Protein backbone atom coordinates (compact mmCIF):
# COMPACT_ATOMS: atom_id res chain seq x y z
CA MET A 1 15.43 6.79 -4.29
CA VAL A 2 15.47 2.62 -4.25
CA VAL A 3 13.99 0.31 -6.87
CA SER A 4 15.17 -3.00 -5.10
CA GLY A 5 15.81 -4.49 -1.85
CA SER A 6 12.58 -4.88 0.89
CA TRP A 7 11.28 -3.74 4.28
CA GLU A 8 8.95 -5.86 6.35
CA SER A 9 7.46 -5.61 10.12
CA THR A 10 5.40 -7.62 11.57
CA THR A 11 3.69 -7.69 14.77
CA ALA A 12 0.59 -10.02 16.08
CA THR A 13 -1.68 -7.77 14.43
CA THR A 14 0.33 -6.05 11.88
CA TRP A 15 1.90 -7.25 8.77
CA LEU A 16 3.96 -4.42 7.01
CA ARG A 17 5.86 -5.08 3.69
CA LEU A 18 7.50 -3.09 0.84
CA GLU A 19 8.82 -6.01 -1.72
CA GLY A 20 10.22 -6.15 -5.04
CA ALA A 21 8.64 -9.57 -5.87
CA PRO A 22 4.97 -10.57 -6.37
CA ILE A 23 2.14 -9.91 -3.52
CA ASP A 24 0.96 -12.89 -2.34
CA GLU A 25 -3.10 -11.24 -2.04
CA ALA A 26 -4.26 -14.75 -0.02
CA ALA A 27 -1.45 -14.50 2.66
CA VAL A 28 -2.14 -11.09 3.33
CA ALA A 29 -5.99 -12.04 3.78
CA THR A 30 -5.06 -14.90 5.45
CA PHE A 31 -3.03 -13.28 8.04
CA CYS A 32 -5.71 -11.11 9.23
CA ARG A 33 -7.97 -13.98 9.87
CA ARG A 34 -8.89 -14.63 13.94
CA PRO A 35 -11.47 -15.99 15.75
CA SER A 36 -12.84 -12.97 17.31
CA VAL A 37 -13.00 -11.44 13.15
CA GLY A 38 -16.22 -11.42 11.38
CA ALA A 39 -15.41 -9.33 8.51
CA VAL A 40 -11.80 -9.38 6.97
CA VAL A 41 -11.94 -6.39 4.01
CA THR A 42 -9.19 -6.52 1.31
CA PHE A 43 -8.18 -3.95 -1.41
CA ALA A 44 -5.64 -4.67 -4.24
CA GLY A 45 -4.73 -1.93 -6.17
CA THR A 46 -3.73 -3.77 -9.31
CA VAL A 47 -1.57 -2.41 -12.82
CA ARG A 48 -4.38 -1.09 -15.04
CA ASP A 49 -3.45 -0.23 -18.98
CA GLN A 50 -4.35 3.25 -18.66
CA GLY A 51 -3.51 6.24 -16.97
CA GLU A 52 -4.44 10.03 -17.21
CA GLY A 53 -4.06 10.79 -20.66
CA LEU A 54 -2.11 7.62 -21.45
CA SER A 55 -3.35 4.16 -22.74
CA GLY A 56 -1.44 1.06 -23.73
CA ILE A 57 0.67 0.72 -19.94
CA ILE A 58 2.21 -2.70 -20.16
CA ALA A 59 3.65 -2.06 -16.64
CA LEU A 60 4.16 0.46 -13.82
CA HIS A 61 7.60 0.48 -11.86
CA TYR A 62 8.01 2.00 -8.70
CA GLU A 63 10.71 3.72 -6.76
CA VAL A 64 10.62 4.63 -2.89
CA ALA A 65 12.78 6.38 -0.39
CA LEU A 66 12.73 3.03 1.31
CA GLU A 67 13.47 4.21 5.29
CA LEU A 68 10.79 6.97 5.21
CA ALA A 69 8.32 4.83 3.41
CA ALA A 70 8.67 2.17 6.58
CA ALA A 71 8.38 4.91 8.79
CA ARG A 72 5.11 5.97 7.04
CA LEU A 73 3.67 2.60 7.00
CA ASP A 74 4.37 2.05 10.88
CA ALA A 75 2.77 5.37 11.36
CA ILE A 76 -0.38 5.18 9.49
CA ALA A 77 -0.84 1.63 10.94
CA ALA A 78 -0.13 3.27 14.46
CA ARG A 79 -3.11 5.64 13.39
CA ALA A 80 -5.58 3.02 12.14
CA PHE A 81 -5.15 1.22 15.90
CA SER A 82 -5.43 4.39 17.64
CA ASP A 83 -8.46 5.60 16.01
CA ALA A 84 -10.30 2.62 15.89
CA PRO A 85 -9.39 0.01 18.83
CA GLU A 86 -11.61 -2.20 17.64
CA LEU A 87 -9.78 -3.17 14.77
CA GLN A 88 -8.10 -6.69 14.93
CA ALA A 89 -5.33 -6.99 12.49
CA LEU A 90 -4.10 -4.94 9.67
CA ALA A 91 -1.73 -6.12 6.57
CA VAL A 92 -0.13 -3.41 3.78
CA HIS A 93 2.09 -4.58 1.32
CA HIS A 94 3.30 -2.77 -1.60
CA ARG A 95 5.21 -3.76 -4.81
CA LEU A 96 8.76 -2.00 -5.63
CA GLY A 97 10.16 -1.98 -8.99
CA ARG A 98 7.96 -3.01 -12.35
CA VAL A 99 4.83 -4.87 -11.78
CA PRO A 100 3.09 -5.99 -14.82
CA LEU A 101 -0.02 -5.21 -16.21
CA GLY A 102 -2.77 -7.08 -13.93
CA GLU A 103 -0.85 -7.87 -11.34
CA PRO A 104 -1.47 -6.12 -7.82
CA ALA A 105 0.72 -3.15 -6.34
CA VAL A 106 -0.65 -2.92 -2.96
CA VAL A 107 -2.54 -4.89 -1.10
CA VAL A 108 -4.44 -3.51 2.06
CA ALA A 109 -6.48 -6.17 4.65
CA ALA A 110 -7.85 -4.64 7.72
CA ALA A 111 -10.25 -7.34 9.96
CA ALA A 112 -12.63 -6.54 12.57
CA ALA A 113 -15.80 -8.13 14.15
CA HIS A 114 -18.04 -6.36 12.20
CA ARG A 115 -18.11 -4.78 8.48
CA ASP A 116 -18.08 -1.32 8.40
CA LEU A 117 -14.86 -0.74 11.00
CA ALA A 118 -12.97 -3.19 8.57
CA PHE A 119 -13.74 -0.90 5.28
CA ASP A 120 -13.08 2.20 7.21
CA ALA A 121 -9.97 1.36 7.85
CA ALA A 122 -9.01 -0.31 4.69
CA ARG A 123 -10.33 2.66 3.37
CA PHE A 124 -7.95 5.01 5.83
CA VAL A 125 -4.99 3.31 5.29
CA ILE A 126 -5.11 2.64 1.44
CA ASP A 127 -5.90 6.43 1.01
CA ALA A 128 -3.22 7.34 3.68
CA VAL A 129 -0.34 4.99 1.91
CA LYS A 130 -1.39 6.67 -1.47
CA VAL A 131 -0.59 10.39 -0.03
CA ALA A 132 1.90 9.84 2.79
CA VAL A 133 4.54 6.96 1.90
CA PRO A 134 7.34 7.96 -0.82
CA LEU A 135 6.24 6.02 -3.49
CA VAL A 136 7.14 7.04 -7.03
CA LYS A 137 5.07 5.61 -10.02
CA GLN A 138 6.56 5.15 -13.39
CA GLU A 139 4.21 4.22 -16.36
CA LEU A 140 5.91 1.80 -18.79
CA THR A 141 4.28 1.08 -22.30
CA GLU A 142 5.75 -0.60 -25.48
CA VAL A 143 6.92 2.95 -26.90
CA GLY A 144 8.57 4.60 -23.76
CA ALA A 145 8.14 5.40 -20.01
CA ARG A 146 6.79 8.53 -18.22
CA TRP A 147 6.69 9.41 -14.65
CA ALA A 148 3.08 9.75 -13.67
CA PRO A 149 1.39 12.48 -13.22
CA SER A 150 0.58 12.41 -9.85
CA ALA A 151 3.81 11.59 -9.15
CA THR A 152 4.83 13.63 -6.03
CA PRO A 153 8.61 14.86 -5.75
CA LEU A 154 9.94 13.40 -2.28
CA GLU A 155 10.26 16.90 -0.71
CA ASP A 156 6.56 17.54 -1.32
CA PHE A 157 5.20 14.38 0.97
CA PRO A 158 3.57 15.24 3.63
CA THR A 159 5.55 14.67 6.91
CA GLN A 160 4.62 12.47 9.41
CA LYS A 161 2.76 15.15 11.62
CA ASP A 162 0.36 15.60 8.70
CA VAL A 163 -0.16 11.91 8.43
CA THR A 164 -1.02 11.48 12.04
CA SER A 165 -2.79 14.79 12.41
């Protein structure tokens, strides 16, 4: 697993990023704005102070298989555009390493002429990221840390075929 380093892929319509630095939510949304876009839907998944059966969380820590995660993000973006050719822009940024309470761990923005498509695309992308991108989350408290009960061992992550079929 990798906890430092970063990866980024940018095209005219897609901006995908795995990074250790704080996510610039405004930049993610701004990337998706264009003259033909009437709706930019942005989702920010932030660190909250509780998890499954655990309170007092002060931060999350994300580890990743970087090469595999990059391939999965590319596949998810390709699927989003394939499923909705009217989608005009998409951005996904996920934080790596330690993410303090209240800060975003992931930000997704989807842009389309109309809101329904933008909402649908944003929901598909965040749901696919949660299932298919090999990010493992550790919950940190003042007294210790634990791997999130929902953490999936890397070998159990779905294949690219599972995500795109």
